[in-house]
Amino acid sequence: MKIQAYGRPSGEAELHIIADDPATHQFAALYSTDGRVTGAVTWNLPRQARDLRRHVAERTPWRQALGVRRG
């Protein structure tokens, strides 16, 4: 099991689930505040964690980060 978290989302941050596969025990989510990525958490997705860390550091608009993850 590998859990990785980045950023410091506030109590008001919105949570956006971007990957969830119970069969493989994998999960990823972004936190956003004012439309910008402020945090990320992954469970058993180390490659995606590295990608999401960049979005946290750059405060990417969450919709843009979601588009990158899915497309």
N, C-alpha and C. Protein backbone atom coordinates (compact mmCIF):
# COMPACT_ATOMS: atom_id res chain seq x y z
N MET A 1 0.85 -1.16 0.00
CA MET A 1 0.00 0.00 0.00
C MET A 1 0.90 1.23 0.00
N LYS A 2 0.58 2.21 -0.86
CA LYS A 2 1.35 3.45 -0.93
C LYS A 2 0.36 4.62 -0.97
N ILE A 3 0.38 5.43 0.09
CA ILE A 3 -0.46 6.62 0.16
C ILE A 3 0.45 7.83 0.04
N GLN A 4 0.07 8.75 -0.87
CA GLN A 4 0.84 9.99 -1.03
C GLN A 4 -0.12 11.16 -0.99
N ALA A 5 0.29 12.24 -0.31
CA ALA A 5 -0.52 13.45 -0.22
C ALA A 5 0.37 14.66 -0.41
N TYR A 6 -0.19 15.67 -1.08
CA TYR A 6 0.54 16.90 -1.36
C TYR A 6 -0.38 18.09 -1.10
N GLY A 7 0.21 19.21 -0.71
CA GLY A 7 -0.55 20.43 -0.51
C GLY A 7 -1.12 20.53 0.88
N ARG A 8 -1.87 21.61 1.08
CA ARG A 8 -2.50 21.87 2.36
C ARG A 8 -3.90 22.42 2.13
N PRO A 9 -4.83 21.57 1.77
CA PRO A 9 -6.18 22.06 1.52
C PRO A 9 -6.83 22.59 2.79
N SER A 10 -7.59 23.65 2.64
CA SER A 10 -8.29 24.23 3.78
C SER A 10 -9.55 23.43 4.07
N GLY A 11 -10.19 23.77 5.17
CA GLY A 11 -11.45 23.12 5.52
C GLY A 11 -12.55 23.41 4.53
N GLU A 12 -12.40 24.48 3.76
CA GLU A 12 -13.40 24.86 2.76
C GLU A 12 -13.12 24.25 1.39
N ALA A 13 -12.01 23.54 1.24
CA ALA A 13 -11.63 22.98 -0.06
C ALA A 13 -12.67 21.96 -0.54
N GLU A 14 -12.86 21.95 -1.85
CA GLU A 14 -13.73 20.95 -2.46
C GLU A 14 -12.90 19.72 -2.81
N LEU A 15 -13.51 18.55 -2.70
CA LEU A 15 -12.84 17.30 -3.02
C LEU A 15 -13.38 16.78 -4.35
N HIS A 16 -12.46 16.45 -5.28
CA HIS A 16 -12.83 15.94 -6.60
C HIS A 16 -12.17 14.57 -6.78
N ILE A 17 -12.97 13.51 -6.81
CA ILE A 17 -12.46 12.17 -7.04
C ILE A 17 -12.13 12.05 -8.53
N ILE A 18 -10.88 11.70 -8.85
CA ILE A 18 -10.50 11.61 -10.26
C ILE A 18 -10.16 10.19 -10.68
N ALA A 19 -9.99 9.28 -9.73
CA ALA A 19 -9.77 7.87 -10.04
C ALA A 19 -10.22 7.06 -8.83
N ASP A 20 -10.94 5.98 -9.09
CA ASP A 20 -11.43 5.13 -8.00
C ASP A 20 -11.68 3.74 -8.55
N ASP A 21 -10.85 2.79 -8.15
CA ASP A 21 -11.00 1.42 -8.60
C ASP A 21 -10.89 0.48 -7.41
N PRO A 22 -12.03 0.16 -6.79
CA PRO A 22 -12.00 -0.71 -5.61
C PRO A 22 -11.38 -2.07 -5.88
N ALA A 23 -11.50 -2.58 -7.10
CA ALA A 23 -10.96 -3.90 -7.43
C ALA A 23 -9.44 -3.93 -7.31
N THR A 24 -8.79 -2.81 -7.63
CA THR A 24 -7.32 -2.77 -7.56
C THR A 24 -6.83 -1.94 -6.38
N HIS A 25 -7.75 -1.47 -5.55
CA HIS A 25 -7.41 -0.67 -4.37
C HIS A 25 -6.63 0.58 -4.75
N GLN A 26 -7.10 1.28 -5.80
CA GLN A 26 -6.46 2.50 -6.25
C GLN A 26 -7.45 3.66 -6.16
N PHE A 27 -6.91 4.85 -5.80
CA PHE A 27 -7.76 6.01 -5.58
C PHE A 27 -6.92 7.26 -5.78
N ALA A 28 -7.51 8.30 -6.36
CA ALA A 28 -6.85 9.60 -6.47
C ALA A 28 -7.90 10.69 -6.36
N ALA A 29 -7.52 11.79 -5.72
CA ALA A 29 -8.43 12.92 -5.56
C ALA A 29 -7.64 14.22 -5.57
N LEU A 30 -8.31 15.26 -6.02
CA LEU A 30 -7.77 16.61 -5.96
C LEU A 30 -8.61 17.44 -5.01
N TYR A 31 -7.97 18.34 -4.30
CA TYR A 31 -8.67 19.34 -3.50
C TYR A 31 -8.53 20.67 -4.22
N SER A 32 -9.59 21.48 -4.21
CA SER A 32 -9.48 22.79 -4.83
C SER A 32 -10.12 23.86 -3.95
N THR A 33 -9.58 25.06 -4.07
CA THR A 33 -10.11 26.24 -3.42
C THR A 33 -10.11 27.35 -4.45
N ASP A 34 -11.22 28.05 -4.57
CA ASP A 34 -11.35 29.13 -5.56
C ASP A 34 -10.98 28.65 -6.96
N GLY A 35 -11.33 27.40 -7.29
CA GLY A 35 -11.13 26.88 -8.64
C GLY A 35 -9.71 26.42 -8.95
N ARG A 36 -8.83 26.45 -7.96
CA ARG A 36 -7.42 26.07 -8.16
C ARG A 36 -7.08 24.85 -7.31
N VAL A 37 -6.23 23.99 -7.85
CA VAL A 37 -5.79 22.80 -7.12
C VAL A 37 -4.94 23.23 -5.92
N THR A 38 -5.32 22.76 -4.74
CA THR A 38 -4.58 23.10 -3.52
C THR A 38 -4.05 21.86 -2.82
N GLY A 39 -4.47 20.69 -3.25
CA GLY A 39 -4.00 19.46 -2.63
C GLY A 39 -4.35 18.26 -3.48
N ALA A 40 -3.66 17.16 -3.20
CA ALA A 40 -3.91 15.91 -3.91
C ALA A 40 -3.59 14.75 -2.98
N VAL A 41 -4.31 13.67 -3.16
CA VAL A 41 -4.03 12.45 -2.41
C VAL A 41 -4.22 11.26 -3.34
N THR A 42 -3.31 10.29 -3.24
CA THR A 42 -3.43 9.07 -4.03
C THR A 42 -3.20 7.86 -3.13
N TRP A 43 -3.77 6.76 -3.55
CA TRP A 43 -3.63 5.49 -2.84
C TRP A 43 -3.25 4.48 -3.91
N ASN A 44 -2.03 3.96 -3.83
CA ASN A 44 -1.52 2.96 -4.78
C ASN A 44 -1.46 3.46 -6.22
N LEU A 45 -1.20 4.75 -6.41
CA LEU A 45 -1.04 5.33 -7.75
C LEU A 45 0.18 6.26 -7.75
N PRO A 46 1.38 5.72 -7.57
CA PRO A 46 2.56 6.59 -7.45
C PRO A 46 2.86 7.43 -8.69
N ARG A 47 2.66 6.90 -9.87
CA ARG A 47 2.92 7.69 -11.08
C ARG A 47 1.97 8.88 -11.17
N GLN A 48 0.70 8.65 -10.90
CA GLN A 48 -0.27 9.73 -10.93
C GLN A 48 0.01 10.75 -9.82
N ALA A 49 0.53 10.29 -8.70
CA ALA A 49 0.87 11.20 -7.60
C ALA A 49 1.91 12.22 -8.05
N ARG A 50 2.89 11.78 -8.80
CA ARG A 50 3.92 12.71 -9.30
C ARG A 50 3.29 13.76 -10.21
N ASP A 51 2.37 13.35 -11.09
CA ASP A 51 1.69 14.29 -11.97
C ASP A 51 0.85 15.28 -11.18
N LEU A 52 0.12 14.77 -10.20
CA LEU A 52 -0.76 15.63 -9.41
C LEU A 52 0.03 16.60 -8.55
N ARG A 53 1.19 16.20 -8.08
CA ARG A 53 2.04 17.09 -7.28
C ARG A 53 2.36 18.37 -8.05
N ARG A 54 2.61 18.23 -9.35
CA ARG A 54 2.89 19.40 -10.18
C ARG A 54 1.70 20.35 -10.20
N HIS A 55 0.49 19.80 -10.30
CA HIS A 55 -0.71 20.65 -10.31
C HIS A 55 -0.87 21.39 -8.97
N VAL A 56 -0.53 20.74 -7.90
CA VAL A 56 -0.60 21.40 -6.59
C VAL A 56 0.41 22.55 -6.54
N ALA A 57 1.62 22.28 -6.95
CA ALA A 57 2.68 23.31 -6.91
C ALA A 57 2.35 24.50 -7.80
N GLU A 58 1.73 24.23 -8.95
CA GLU A 58 1.41 25.30 -9.90
C GLU A 58 0.04 25.92 -9.68
N ARG A 59 -0.73 25.35 -8.73
CA ARG A 59 -2.11 25.81 -8.47
C ARG A 59 -2.91 25.86 -9.77
N THR A 60 -2.82 24.78 -10.52
CA THR A 60 -3.53 24.62 -11.78
C THR A 60 -5.04 24.74 -11.55
N PRO A 61 -5.78 25.37 -12.47
CA PRO A 61 -7.24 25.31 -12.36
C PRO A 61 -7.69 23.84 -12.32
N TRP A 62 -8.56 23.50 -11.39
CA TRP A 62 -8.87 22.08 -11.19
C TRP A 62 -9.51 21.46 -12.42
N ARG A 63 -10.30 22.20 -13.16
CA ARG A 63 -10.90 21.62 -14.37
C ARG A 63 -9.83 21.28 -15.40
N GLN A 64 -8.80 22.11 -15.48
CA GLN A 64 -7.69 21.82 -16.39
C GLN A 64 -6.95 20.57 -15.93
N ALA A 65 -6.69 20.46 -14.64
CA ALA A 65 -6.00 19.27 -14.10
C ALA A 65 -6.84 18.02 -14.35
N LEU A 66 -8.13 18.12 -14.18
CA LEU A 66 -9.01 16.97 -14.44
C LEU A 66 -8.96 16.57 -15.90
N GLY A 67 -8.96 17.54 -16.81
CA GLY A 67 -8.89 17.25 -18.23
C GLY A 67 -7.61 16.55 -18.60
N VAL A 68 -6.52 16.96 -17.98
CA VAL A 68 -5.23 16.34 -18.25
C VAL A 68 -5.25 14.89 -17.77
N ARG A 69 -5.87 14.63 -16.62
CA ARG A 69 -5.91 13.28 -16.06
C ARG A 69 -6.76 12.35 -16.91
N ARG A 70 -7.81 12.85 -17.52
CA ARG A 70 -8.70 11.97 -18.25
C ARG A 70 -8.45 11.96 -19.74
N GLY A 71 -7.69 12.90 -20.24
CA GLY A 71 -7.59 12.96 -21.67
C GLY A 71 -6.22 13.06 -22.16
